[in-house]
Amino acid sequence: EEVARICGELVKEGGFIRIVTQTFIVQLERKKREEQTLLLDNIETQI
């Protein structure tokens, strides 16, 4: 949540900083999904 607030402030810069921030957000989301997938795939409970 705190990272999202920081990124929200960075996006307001516009231009190159906005592009970098959006790219970073995409990377964060991909990392988050990878972590979730890794977690889900390593438990015995069916989900």
All heavy atoms as atom14 arrays in JSON, in Angstrom:
{
  "sequence": "EEVARICGELVKEGGFIRIVTQTFIVQLERKKREEQTLLLDNIETQI",
  "atom14_mask": [
    [1, 1, 1, 1, 1, 1, 1, 1, 1, 0, 0, 0, 0, 0],
    [1, 1, 1, 1, 1, 1, 1, 1, 1, 0, 0, 0, 0, 0],
    [1, 1, 1, 1, 1, 1, 1, 0, 0, 0, 0, 0, 0, 0],
    [1, 1, 1, 1, 1, 0, 0, 0, 0, 0, 0, 0, 0, 0],
    [1, 1, 1, 1, 1, 1, 1, 1, 1, 1, 1, 0, 0, 0],
    [1, 1, 1, 1, 1, 1, 1, 1, 0, 0, 0, 0, 0, 0],
    [1, 1, 1, 1, 1, 1, 0, 0, 0, 0, 0, 0, 0, 0],
    [1, 1, 1, 1, 0, 0, 0, 0, 0, 0, 0, 0, 0, 0],
    [1, 1, 1, 1, 1, 1, 1, 1, 1, 0, 0, 0, 0, 0],
    [1, 1, 1, 1, 1, 1, 1, 1, 0, 0, 0, 0, 0, 0],
    [1, 1, 1, 1, 1, 1, 1, 0, 0, 0, 0, 0, 0, 0],
    [1, 1, 1, 1, 1, 1, 1, 1, 1, 0, 0, 0, 0, 0],
    [1, 1, 1, 1, 1, 1, 1, 1, 1, 0, 0, 0, 0, 0],
    [1, 1, 1, 1, 0, 0, 0, 0, 0, 0, 0, 0, 0, 0],
    [1, 1, 1, 1, 0, 0, 0, 0, 0, 0, 0, 0, 0, 0],
    [1, 1, 1, 1, 1, 1, 1, 1, 1, 1, 1, 0, 0, 0],
    [1, 1, 1, 1, 1, 1, 1, 1, 0, 0, 0, 0, 0, 0],
    [1, 1, 1, 1, 1, 1, 1, 1, 1, 1, 1, 0, 0, 0],
    [1, 1, 1, 1, 1, 1, 1, 1, 0, 0, 0, 0, 0, 0],
    [1, 1, 1, 1, 1, 1, 1, 0, 0, 0, 0, 0, 0, 0],
    [1, 1, 1, 1, 1, 1, 1, 0, 0, 0, 0, 0, 0, 0],
    [1, 1, 1, 1, 1, 1, 1, 1, 1, 0, 0, 0, 0, 0],
    [1, 1, 1, 1, 1, 1, 1, 0, 0, 0, 0, 0, 0, 0],
    [1, 1, 1, 1, 1, 1, 1, 1, 1, 1, 1, 0, 0, 0],
    [1, 1, 1, 1, 1, 1, 1, 1, 0, 0, 0, 0, 0, 0],
    [1, 1, 1, 1, 1, 1, 1, 0, 0, 0, 0, 0, 0, 0],
    [1, 1, 1, 1, 1, 1, 1, 1, 1, 0, 0, 0, 0, 0],
    [1, 1, 1, 1, 1, 1, 1, 1, 0, 0, 0, 0, 0, 0],
    [1, 1, 1, 1, 1, 1, 1, 1, 1, 0, 0, 0, 0, 0],
    [1, 1, 1, 1, 1, 1, 1, 1, 1, 1, 1, 0, 0, 0],
    [1, 1, 1, 1, 1, 1, 1, 1, 1, 0, 0, 0, 0, 0],
    [1, 1, 1, 1, 1, 1, 1, 1, 1, 0, 0, 0, 0, 0],
    [1, 1, 1, 1, 1, 1, 1, 1, 1, 1, 1, 0, 0, 0],
    [1, 1, 1, 1, 1, 1, 1, 1, 1, 0, 0, 0, 0, 0],
    [1, 1, 1, 1, 1, 1, 1, 1, 1, 0, 0, 0, 0, 0],
    [1, 1, 1, 1, 1, 1, 1, 1, 1, 0, 0, 0, 0, 0],
    [1, 1, 1, 1, 1, 1, 1, 0, 0, 0, 0, 0, 0, 0],
    [1, 1, 1, 1, 1, 1, 1, 1, 0, 0, 0, 0, 0, 0],
    [1, 1, 1, 1, 1, 1, 1, 1, 0, 0, 0, 0, 0, 0],
    [1, 1, 1, 1, 1, 1, 1, 1, 0, 0, 0, 0, 0, 0],
    [1, 1, 1, 1, 1, 1, 1, 1, 0, 0, 0, 0, 0, 0],
    [1, 1, 1, 1, 1, 1, 1, 1, 0, 0, 0, 0, 0, 0],
    [1, 1, 1, 1, 1, 1, 1, 1, 0, 0, 0, 0, 0, 0],
    [1, 1, 1, 1, 1, 1, 1, 1, 1, 0, 0, 0, 0, 0],
    [1, 1, 1, 1, 1, 1, 1, 0, 0, 0, 0, 0, 0, 0],
    [1, 1, 1, 1, 1, 1, 1, 1, 1, 0, 0, 0, 0, 0],
    [1, 1, 1, 1, 1, 1, 1, 1, 0, 0, 0, 0, 0, 0]
  ],
  "atom14_positions": [
    [[0.83, -1.2, 0.0], [0.0, 0.0, 0.0], [0.86, 1.26, 0.0], [0.58, 2.23, -0.72], [-0.91, -0.01, 1.24], [-1.84, 1.2, 1.3], [-2.67, 1.22, 2.57], [-2.52, 0.28, 3.39], [-3.45, 2.17, 2.75], [0.0, 0.0, 0.0], [0.0, 0.0, 0.0], [0.0, 0.0, 0.0], [0.0, 0.0, 0.0], [0.0, 0.0, 0.0]],
    [[1.95, 1.23, 0.79], [2.82, 2.4, 0.86], [3.56, 2.63, -0.45], [3.74, 3.77, -0.9], [3.81, 2.24, 2.02], [3.15, 2.34, 3.38], [4.08, 1.96, 4.52], [5.02, 1.17, 4.28], [3.87, 2.44, 5.65], [0.0, 0.0, 0.0], [0.0, 0.0, 0.0], [0.0, 0.0, 0.0], [0.0, 0.0, 0.0], [0.0, 0.0, 0.0]],
    [[3.99, 1.55, -1.09], [4.66, 1.67, -2.39], [3.7, 2.28, -3.42], [4.09, 3.13, -4.23], [5.17, 0.3, -2.87], [5.65, 0.38, -4.32], [6.3, -0.19, -1.98], [0.0, 0.0, 0.0], [0.0, 0.0, 0.0], [0.0, 0.0, 0.0], [0.0, 0.0, 0.0], [0.0, 0.0, 0.0], [0.0, 0.0, 0.0], [0.0, 0.0, 0.0]],
    [[2.42, 1.86, -3.38], [1.43, 2.4, -4.31], [1.26, 3.9, -4.1], [1.12, 4.68, -5.08], [0.1, 1.68, -4.13], [0.0, 0.0, 0.0], [0.0, 0.0, 0.0], [0.0, 0.0, 0.0], [0.0, 0.0, 0.0], [0.0, 0.0, 0.0], [0.0, 0.0, 0.0], [0.0, 0.0, 0.0], [0.0, 0.0, 0.0], [0.0, 0.0, 0.0]],
    [[1.31, 4.37, -2.88], [1.17, 5.81, -2.6], [2.37, 6.59, -3.11], [2.24, 7.69, -3.68], [0.99, 6.03, -1.09], [-0.38, 5.54, -0.61], [-0.48, 5.5, 0.9], [-0.38, 6.83, 1.48], [-0.36, 7.08, 2.79], [-0.38, 6.06, 3.64], [-0.31, 8.32, 3.25], [0.0, 0.0, 0.0], [0.0, 0.0, 0.0], [0.0, 0.0, 0.0]],
    [[3.57, 6.01, -2.93], [4.79, 6.67, -3.44], [4.74, 6.76, -4.96], [5.03, 7.81, -5.57], [6.04, 5.91, -2.98], [6.18, 6.01, -1.45], [7.29, 6.46, -3.64], [7.26, 5.09, -0.88], [0.0, 0.0, 0.0], [0.0, 0.0, 0.0], [0.0, 0.0, 0.0], [0.0, 0.0, 0.0], [0.0, 0.0, 0.0], [0.0, 0.0, 0.0]],
    [[4.35, 5.61, -5.58], [4.27, 5.6, -7.05], [3.21, 6.58, -7.55], [3.37, 7.21, -8.61], [3.96, 4.19, -7.56], [5.33, 3.03, -7.34], [0.0, 0.0, 0.0], [0.0, 0.0, 0.0], [0.0, 0.0, 0.0], [0.0, 0.0, 0.0], [0.0, 0.0, 0.0], [0.0, 0.0, 0.0], [0.0, 0.0, 0.0], [0.0, 0.0, 0.0]],
    [[2.13, 6.7, -6.8], [1.08, 7.66, -7.17], [1.61, 9.07, -7.21], [1.24, 9.88, -8.08], [0.0, 0.0, 0.0], [0.0, 0.0, 0.0], [0.0, 0.0, 0.0], [0.0, 0.0, 0.0], [0.0, 0.0, 0.0], [0.0, 0.0, 0.0], [0.0, 0.0, 0.0], [0.0, 0.0, 0.0], [0.0, 0.0, 0.0], [0.0, 0.0, 0.0]],
    [[2.51, 9.41, -6.29], [3.12, 10.74, -6.28], [4.12, 10.89, -7.43], [4.21, 11.94, -8.05], [3.82, 10.97, -4.94], [2.88, 11.08, -3.75], [1.98, 12.29, -3.85], [2.41, 13.33, -4.42], [0.82, 12.21, -3.4], [0.0, 0.0, 0.0], [0.0, 0.0, 0.0], [0.0, 0.0, 0.0], [0.0, 0.0, 0.0], [0.0, 0.0, 0.0]],
    [[4.89, 9.8, -7.74], [5.87, 9.85, -8.82], [5.2, 10.02, -10.19], [5.72, 10.71, -11.07], [6.73, 8.58, -8.82], [7.76, 8.46, -7.68], [8.32, 7.05, -7.61], [8.89, 9.48, -7.87], [0.0, 0.0, 0.0], [0.0, 0.0, 0.0], [0.0, 0.0, 0.0], [0.0, 0.0, 0.0], [0.0, 0.0, 0.0], [0.0, 0.0, 0.0]],
    [[4.02, 9.36, -10.35], [3.32, 9.44, -11.64], [2.93, 10.89, -11.95], [2.86, 11.29, -13.12], [2.07, 8.52, -11.62], [1.17, 8.81, -12.82], [2.5, 7.06, -11.66], [0.0, 0.0, 0.0], [0.0, 0.0, 0.0], [0.0, 0.0, 0.0], [0.0, 0.0, 0.0], [0.0, 0.0, 0.0], [0.0, 0.0, 0.0], [0.0, 0.0, 0.0]],
    [[2.71, 11.67, -10.91], [2.3, 13.05, -11.12], [3.4, 13.9, -11.77], [3.12, 14.99, -12.28], [1.91, 13.69, -9.78], [0.69, 13.06, -9.14], [0.42, 13.68, -7.78], [-0.76, 13.02, -7.08], [-0.99, 13.6, -5.73], [0.0, 0.0, 0.0], [0.0, 0.0, 0.0], [0.0, 0.0, 0.0], [0.0, 0.0, 0.0], [0.0, 0.0, 0.0]],
    [[4.64, 13.42, -11.78], [5.75, 14.17, -12.37], [5.58, 14.31, -13.87], [6.05, 15.27, -14.47], [7.07, 13.46, -12.06], [7.5, 13.54, -10.61], [7.85, 14.94, -10.21], [8.55, 15.65, -10.97], [7.4, 15.37, -9.11], [0.0, 0.0, 0.0], [0.0, 0.0, 0.0], [0.0, 0.0, 0.0], [0.0, 0.0, 0.0], [0.0, 0.0, 0.0]],
    [[4.94, 13.29, -14.5], [4.76, 13.35, -15.94], [6.05, 13.05, -16.69], [7.11, 12.79, -16.1], [0.0, 0.0, 0.0], [0.0, 0.0, 0.0], [0.0, 0.0, 0.0], [0.0, 0.0, 0.0], [0.0, 0.0, 0.0], [0.0, 0.0, 0.0], [0.0, 0.0, 0.0], [0.0, 0.0, 0.0], [0.0, 0.0, 0.0], [0.0, 0.0, 0.0]],
    [[5.96, 13.06, -17.99], [7.13, 12.87, -18.85], [7.84, 11.56, -18.6], [7.22, 10.5, -18.42], [0.0, 0.0, 0.0], [0.0, 0.0, 0.0], [0.0, 0.0, 0.0], [0.0, 0.0, 0.0], [0.0, 0.0, 0.0], [0.0, 0.0, 0.0], [0.0, 0.0, 0.0], [0.0, 0.0, 0.0], [0.0, 0.0, 0.0], [0.0, 0.0, 0.0]],
    [[9.15, 11.64, -18.58], [9.99, 10.46, -18.47], [9.79, 9.75, -17.13], [9.74, 8.52, -17.05], [11.46, 10.87, -18.65], [12.41, 9.71, -18.62], [12.35, 8.74, -19.6], [13.35, 9.59, -17.61], [13.24, 7.67, -19.58], [14.22, 8.54, -17.58], [14.18, 7.57, -18.57], [0.0, 0.0, 0.0], [0.0, 0.0, 0.0], [0.0, 0.0, 0.0]],
    [[9.65, 10.54, -16.05], [9.46, 9.95, -14.73], [8.16, 9.16, -14.69], [8.08, 8.1, -14.08], [9.45, 11.04, -13.64], [10.79, 11.78, -13.61], [9.16, 10.43, -12.26], [11.97, 10.88, -13.32], [0.0, 0.0, 0.0], [0.0, 0.0, 0.0], [0.0, 0.0, 0.0], [0.0, 0.0, 0.0], [0.0, 0.0, 0.0], [0.0, 0.0, 0.0]],
    [[7.12, 9.68, -15.37], [5.82, 8.97, -15.41], [5.97, 7.61, -16.09], [5.45, 6.61, -15.6], [4.81, 9.83, -16.16], [3.42, 9.19, -16.28], [2.54, 10.05, -17.18], [1.21, 9.49, -17.27], [0.21, 9.77, -16.45], [0.39, 10.64, -15.47], [-0.98, 9.22, -16.6], [0.0, 0.0, 0.0], [0.0, 0.0, 0.0], [0.0, 0.0, 0.0]],
    [[6.72, 7.59, -17.19], [6.93, 6.33, -17.93], [7.7, 5.33, -17.07], [7.36, 4.15, -16.98], [7.68, 6.6, -19.26], [6.8, 7.47, -20.18], [8.05, 5.29, -19.94], [7.53, 7.96, -21.42], [0.0, 0.0, 0.0], [0.0, 0.0, 0.0], [0.0, 0.0, 0.0], [0.0, 0.0, 0.0], [0.0, 0.0, 0.0], [0.0, 0.0, 0.0]],
    [[8.75, 5.82, -16.42], [9.56, 4.95, -15.55], [8.69, 4.38, -14.43], [8.75, 3.2, -14.11], [10.77, 5.73, -14.96], [11.46, 4.9, -13.89], [11.74, 6.09, -16.07], [0.0, 0.0, 0.0], [0.0, 0.0, 0.0], [0.0, 0.0, 0.0], [0.0, 0.0, 0.0], [0.0, 0.0, 0.0], [0.0, 0.0, 0.0], [0.0, 0.0, 0.0]],
    [[7.86, 5.23, -13.85], [7.01, 4.79, -12.73], [6.02, 3.73, -13.18], [5.81, 2.72, -12.51], [6.27, 5.98, -12.14], [7.21, 6.97, -11.72], [5.42, 5.55, -10.94], [0.0, 0.0, 0.0], [0.0, 0.0, 0.0], [0.0, 0.0, 0.0], [0.0, 0.0, 0.0], [0.0, 0.0, 0.0], [0.0, 0.0, 0.0], [0.0, 0.0, 0.0]],
    [[5.39, 3.98, -14.36], [4.41, 3.01, -14.85], [5.07, 1.67, -15.15], [4.51, 0.6, -14.89], [3.72, 3.56, -16.1], [2.77, 4.72, -15.79], [2.19, 5.36, -17.04], [2.79, 5.28, -18.13], [1.03, 6.01, -16.88], [0.0, 0.0, 0.0], [0.0, 0.0, 0.0], [0.0, 0.0, 0.0], [0.0, 0.0, 0.0], [0.0, 0.0, 0.0]],
    [[6.29, 1.75, -15.71], [7.04, 0.51, -15.96], [7.33, -0.21, -14.65], [7.21, -1.44, -14.56], [8.36, 0.83, -16.68], [8.09, 1.52, -17.89], [9.14, -0.45, -16.96], [0.0, 0.0, 0.0], [0.0, 0.0, 0.0], [0.0, 0.0, 0.0], [0.0, 0.0, 0.0], [0.0, 0.0, 0.0], [0.0, 0.0, 0.0], [0.0, 0.0, 0.0]],
    [[7.71, 0.54, -13.65], [8.0, -0.04, -12.34], [6.76, -0.71, -11.74], [6.83, -1.8, -11.16], [8.52, 1.06, -11.41], [8.72, 0.6, -9.98], [9.71, -0.32, -9.67], [7.9, 1.07, -8.97], [9.89, -0.74, -8.37], [8.07, 0.65, -7.67], [9.08, -0.25, -7.36], [0.0, 0.0, 0.0], [0.0, 0.0, 0.0], [0.0, 0.0, 0.0]],
    [[5.59, -0.02, -11.91], [4.34, -0.58, -11.39], [4.02, -1.91, -12.07], [3.6, -2.87, -11.44], [3.19, 0.42, -11.59], [3.39, 1.63, -10.67], [1.83, -0.23, -11.29], [2.4, 2.77, -10.91], [0.0, 0.0, 0.0], [0.0, 0.0, 0.0], [0.0, 0.0, 0.0], [0.0, 0.0, 0.0], [0.0, 0.0, 0.0], [0.0, 0.0, 0.0]],
    [[4.23, -1.95, -13.4], [4.0, -3.2, -14.14], [4.92, -4.3, -13.61], [4.52, -5.46, -13.42], [4.22, -2.98, -15.65], [4.22, -4.33, -16.38], [3.13, -2.07, -16.22], [0.0, 0.0, 0.0], [0.0, 0.0, 0.0], [0.0, 0.0, 0.0], [0.0, 0.0, 0.0], [0.0, 0.0, 0.0], [0.0, 0.0, 0.0], [0.0, 0.0, 0.0]],
    [[6.19, -3.95, -13.36], [7.14, -4.93, -12.83], [6.71, -5.44, -11.45], [6.82, -6.62, -11.14], [8.54, -4.31, -12.75], [9.18, -4.03, -14.1], [10.49, -3.26, -13.97], [10.78, -2.66, -12.94], [11.27, -3.27, -15.05], [0.0, 0.0, 0.0], [0.0, 0.0, 0.0], [0.0, 0.0, 0.0], [0.0, 0.0, 0.0], [0.0, 0.0, 0.0]],
    [[6.21, -4.48, -10.65], [5.74, -4.87, -9.32], [4.56, -5.84, -9.42], [4.48, -6.81, -8.68], [5.33, -3.63, -8.52], [6.45, -2.76, -7.92], [5.83, -1.59, -7.17], [7.34, -3.56, -7.0], [0.0, 0.0, 0.0], [0.0, 0.0, 0.0], [0.0, 0.0, 0.0], [0.0, 0.0, 0.0], [0.0, 0.0, 0.0], [0.0, 0.0, 0.0]],
    [[3.62, -5.54, -10.31], [2.46, -6.4, -10.47], [2.87, -7.79, -10.94], [2.33, -8.8, -10.49], [1.47, -5.78, -11.46], [0.71, -4.58, -10.93], [-0.15, -4.94, -9.74], [-0.73, -6.05, -9.73], [-0.22, -4.14, -8.79], [0.0, 0.0, 0.0], [0.0, 0.0, 0.0], [0.0, 0.0, 0.0], [0.0, 0.0, 0.0], [0.0, 0.0, 0.0]],
    [[3.83, -7.83, -11.9], [4.3, -9.12, -12.4], [4.98, -9.91, -11.27], [4.77, -11.12, -11.11], [5.27, -8.93, -13.57], [5.7, -10.27, -14.17], [6.42, -10.1, -15.5], [7.61, -9.28, -15.37], [7.74, -8.06, -15.9], [6.72, -7.52, -16.58], [8.86, -7.37, -15.75], [0.0, 0.0, 0.0], [0.0, 0.0, 0.0], [0.0, 0.0, 0.0]],
    [[5.8, -9.21, -10.48], [6.46, -9.86, -9.35], [5.44, -10.38, -8.34], [5.58, -11.48, -7.79], [7.42, -8.87, -8.68], [8.2, -9.46, -7.51], [9.15, -8.44, -6.93], [9.95, -9.05, -5.77], [10.86, -8.07, -5.14], [0.0, 0.0, 0.0], [0.0, 0.0, 0.0], [0.0, 0.0, 0.0], [0.0, 0.0, 0.0], [0.0, 0.0, 0.0]],
    [[4.4, -9.56, -8.12], [3.36, -9.95, -7.19], [2.65, -11.22, -7.67], [2.41, -12.15, -6.89], [2.36, -8.81, -7.03], [1.19, -9.1, -6.1], [0.25, -7.91, -6.02], [-0.96, -8.21, -5.16], [-1.88, -7.05, -5.1], [0.0, 0.0, 0.0], [0.0, 0.0, 0.0], [0.0, 0.0, 0.0], [0.0, 0.0, 0.0], [0.0, 0.0, 0.0]],
    [[2.32, -11.25, -8.96], [1.64, -12.43, -9.52], [2.54, -13.65, -9.44], [2.07, -14.76, -9.16], [1.21, -12.16, -10.96], [0.0, -11.25, -11.09], [-0.6, -11.33, -12.48], [0.34, -10.91, -13.5], [0.49, -9.65, -13.92], [-0.25, -8.69, -13.38], [1.35, -9.36, -14.85], [0.0, 0.0, 0.0], [0.0, 0.0, 0.0], [0.0, 0.0, 0.0]],
    [[3.83, -13.47, -9.71], [4.77, -14.59, -9.65], [4.85, -15.15, -8.23], [4.89, -16.37, -8.01], [6.15, -14.15, -10.12], [6.23, -13.89, -11.62], [7.58, -13.29, -12.03], [8.37, -12.95, -11.12], [7.82, -13.17, -13.24], [0.0, 0.0, 0.0], [0.0, 0.0, 0.0], [0.0, 0.0, 0.0], [0.0, 0.0, 0.0], [0.0, 0.0, 0.0]],
    [[4.88, -14.22, -7.26], [4.93, -14.66, -5.87], [3.65, -15.39, -5.49], [3.69, -16.42, -4.8], [5.14, -13.45, -4.95], [6.53, -12.85, -5.03], [6.67, -11.61, -4.17], [5.64, -11.12, -3.66], [7.81, -11.15, -3.99], [0.0, 0.0, 0.0], [0.0, 0.0, 0.0], [0.0, 0.0, 0.0], [0.0, 0.0, 0.0], [0.0, 0.0, 0.0]],
    [[2.52, -14.87, -5.94], [1.24, -15.52, -5.64], [1.18, -16.9, -6.28], [0.73, -17.87, -5.65], [0.09, -14.66, -6.14], [-0.13, -13.38, -5.34], [-1.21, -12.51, -5.93], [-1.53, -12.61, -7.11], [-1.77, -11.63, -5.1], [0.0, 0.0, 0.0], [0.0, 0.0, 0.0], [0.0, 0.0, 0.0], [0.0, 0.0, 0.0], [0.0, 0.0, 0.0]],
    [[1.62, -16.99, -7.54], [1.61, -18.27, -8.24], [2.51, -19.27, -7.54], [2.16, -20.44, -7.37], [2.05, -18.09, -9.71], [1.16, -17.2, -10.36], [2.05, -19.43, -10.44], [0.0, 0.0, 0.0], [0.0, 0.0, 0.0], [0.0, 0.0, 0.0], [0.0, 0.0, 0.0], [0.0, 0.0, 0.0], [0.0, 0.0, 0.0], [0.0, 0.0, 0.0]],
    [[3.71, -18.81, -7.15], [4.65, -19.68, -6.45], [4.04, -20.18, -5.14], [4.16, -21.36, -4.79], [5.96, -18.92, -6.16], [7.07, -19.74, -5.49], [7.53, -20.88, -6.39], [8.24, -18.82, -5.13], [0.0, 0.0, 0.0], [0.0, 0.0, 0.0], [0.0, 0.0, 0.0], [0.0, 0.0, 0.0], [0.0, 0.0, 0.0], [0.0, 0.0, 0.0]],
    [[3.37, -19.27, -4.45], [2.73, -19.65, -3.19], [1.62, -20.65, -3.43], [1.53, -21.69, -2.77], [2.18, -18.4, -2.5], [1.38, -18.64, -1.21], [2.26, -19.25, -0.14], [0.77, -17.34, -0.72], [0.0, 0.0, 0.0], [0.0, 0.0, 0.0], [0.0, 0.0, 0.0], [0.0, 0.0, 0.0], [0.0, 0.0, 0.0], [0.0, 0.0, 0.0]],
    [[0.74, -20.36, -4.39], [-0.41, -21.23, -4.64], [0.02, -22.61, -5.13], [-0.62, -23.62, -4.79], [-1.32, -20.59, -5.69], [-2.05, -19.31, -5.27], [-2.88, -18.78, -6.43], [-2.94, -19.58, -4.07], [0.0, 0.0, 0.0], [0.0, 0.0, 0.0], [0.0, 0.0, 0.0], [0.0, 0.0, 0.0], [0.0, 0.0, 0.0], [0.0, 0.0, 0.0]],
    [[1.1, -22.66, -5.92], [1.52, -23.93, -6.51], [2.32, -24.8, -5.53], [2.67, -25.93, -5.87], [2.35, -23.69, -7.77], [1.48, -23.29, -8.95], [0.25, -23.5, -8.85], [2.02, -22.79, -9.95], [0.0, 0.0, 0.0], [0.0, 0.0, 0.0], [0.0, 0.0, 0.0], [0.0, 0.0, 0.0], [0.0, 0.0, 0.0], [0.0, 0.0, 0.0]],
    [[2.6, -24.28, -4.36], [3.4, -25.06, -3.41], [2.62, -25.4, -2.14], [3.21, -25.68, -1.1], [4.67, -24.31, -3.04], [5.73, -24.4, -4.14], [6.48, -25.38, -4.21], [5.77, -23.4, -5.01], [0.0, 0.0, 0.0], [0.0, 0.0, 0.0], [0.0, 0.0, 0.0], [0.0, 0.0, 0.0], [0.0, 0.0, 0.0], [0.0, 0.0, 0.0]],
    [[1.31, -25.4, -2.25], [0.47, -25.86, -1.15], [-0.39, -27.01, -1.64], [-0.7, -27.12, -2.83], [-0.42, -24.73, -0.57], [-1.33, -24.17, -1.65], [0.42, -23.64, 0.05], [-2.28, -23.11, -1.13], [0.0, 0.0, 0.0], [0.0, 0.0, 0.0], [0.0, 0.0, 0.0], [0.0, 0.0, 0.0], [0.0, 0.0, 0.0], [0.0, 0.0, 0.0]],
    [[-0.75, -27.92, -0.72], [-1.5, -29.11, -1.09], [-2.97, -28.82, -1.31], [-3.66, -29.57, -2.01], [-1.34, -30.18, -0.01], [0.09, -30.7, 0.13], [0.21, -31.78, 1.18], [-0.83, -32.1, 1.83], [1.31, -32.31, 1.37], [0.0, 0.0, 0.0], [0.0, 0.0, 0.0], [0.0, 0.0, 0.0], [0.0, 0.0, 0.0], [0.0, 0.0, 0.0]],
    [[-3.47, -27.76, -0.72], [-4.88, -27.42, -0.9], [-5.14, -27.04, -2.35], [-4.37, -26.3, -2.96], [-5.26, -26.24, 0.02], [-5.08, -26.64, 1.37], [-6.71, -25.83, -0.2], [0.0, 0.0, 0.0], [0.0, 0.0, 0.0], [0.0, 0.0, 0.0], [0.0, 0.0, 0.0], [0.0, 0.0, 0.0], [0.0, 0.0, 0.0], [0.0, 0.0, 0.0]],
    [[-6.22, -27.55, -2.91], [-6.6, -27.21, -4.29], [-7.28, -25.83, -4.3], [-8.18, -25.58, -3.5], [-7.55, -28.26, -4.84], [-6.97, -29.68, -4.83], [-8.03, -30.72, -4.92], [-8.97, -30.59, -5.71], [-7.92, -31.76, -4.1], [0.0, 0.0, 0.0], [0.0, 0.0, 0.0], [0.0, 0.0, 0.0], [0.0, 0.0, 0.0], [0.0, 0.0, 0.0]],
    [[-6.81, -24.96, -5.18], [-7.37, -23.61, -5.27], [-7.7, -23.3, -6.73], [-6.91, -23.58, -7.62], [-6.37, -22.56, -4.73], [-6.03, -22.86, -3.26], [-6.94, -21.15, -4.86], [-4.97, -21.96, -2.69], [0.0, 0.0, 0.0], [0.0, 0.0, 0.0], [0.0, 0.0, 0.0], [0.0, 0.0, 0.0], [0.0, 0.0, 0.0], [0.0, 0.0, 0.0]]
  ]
}
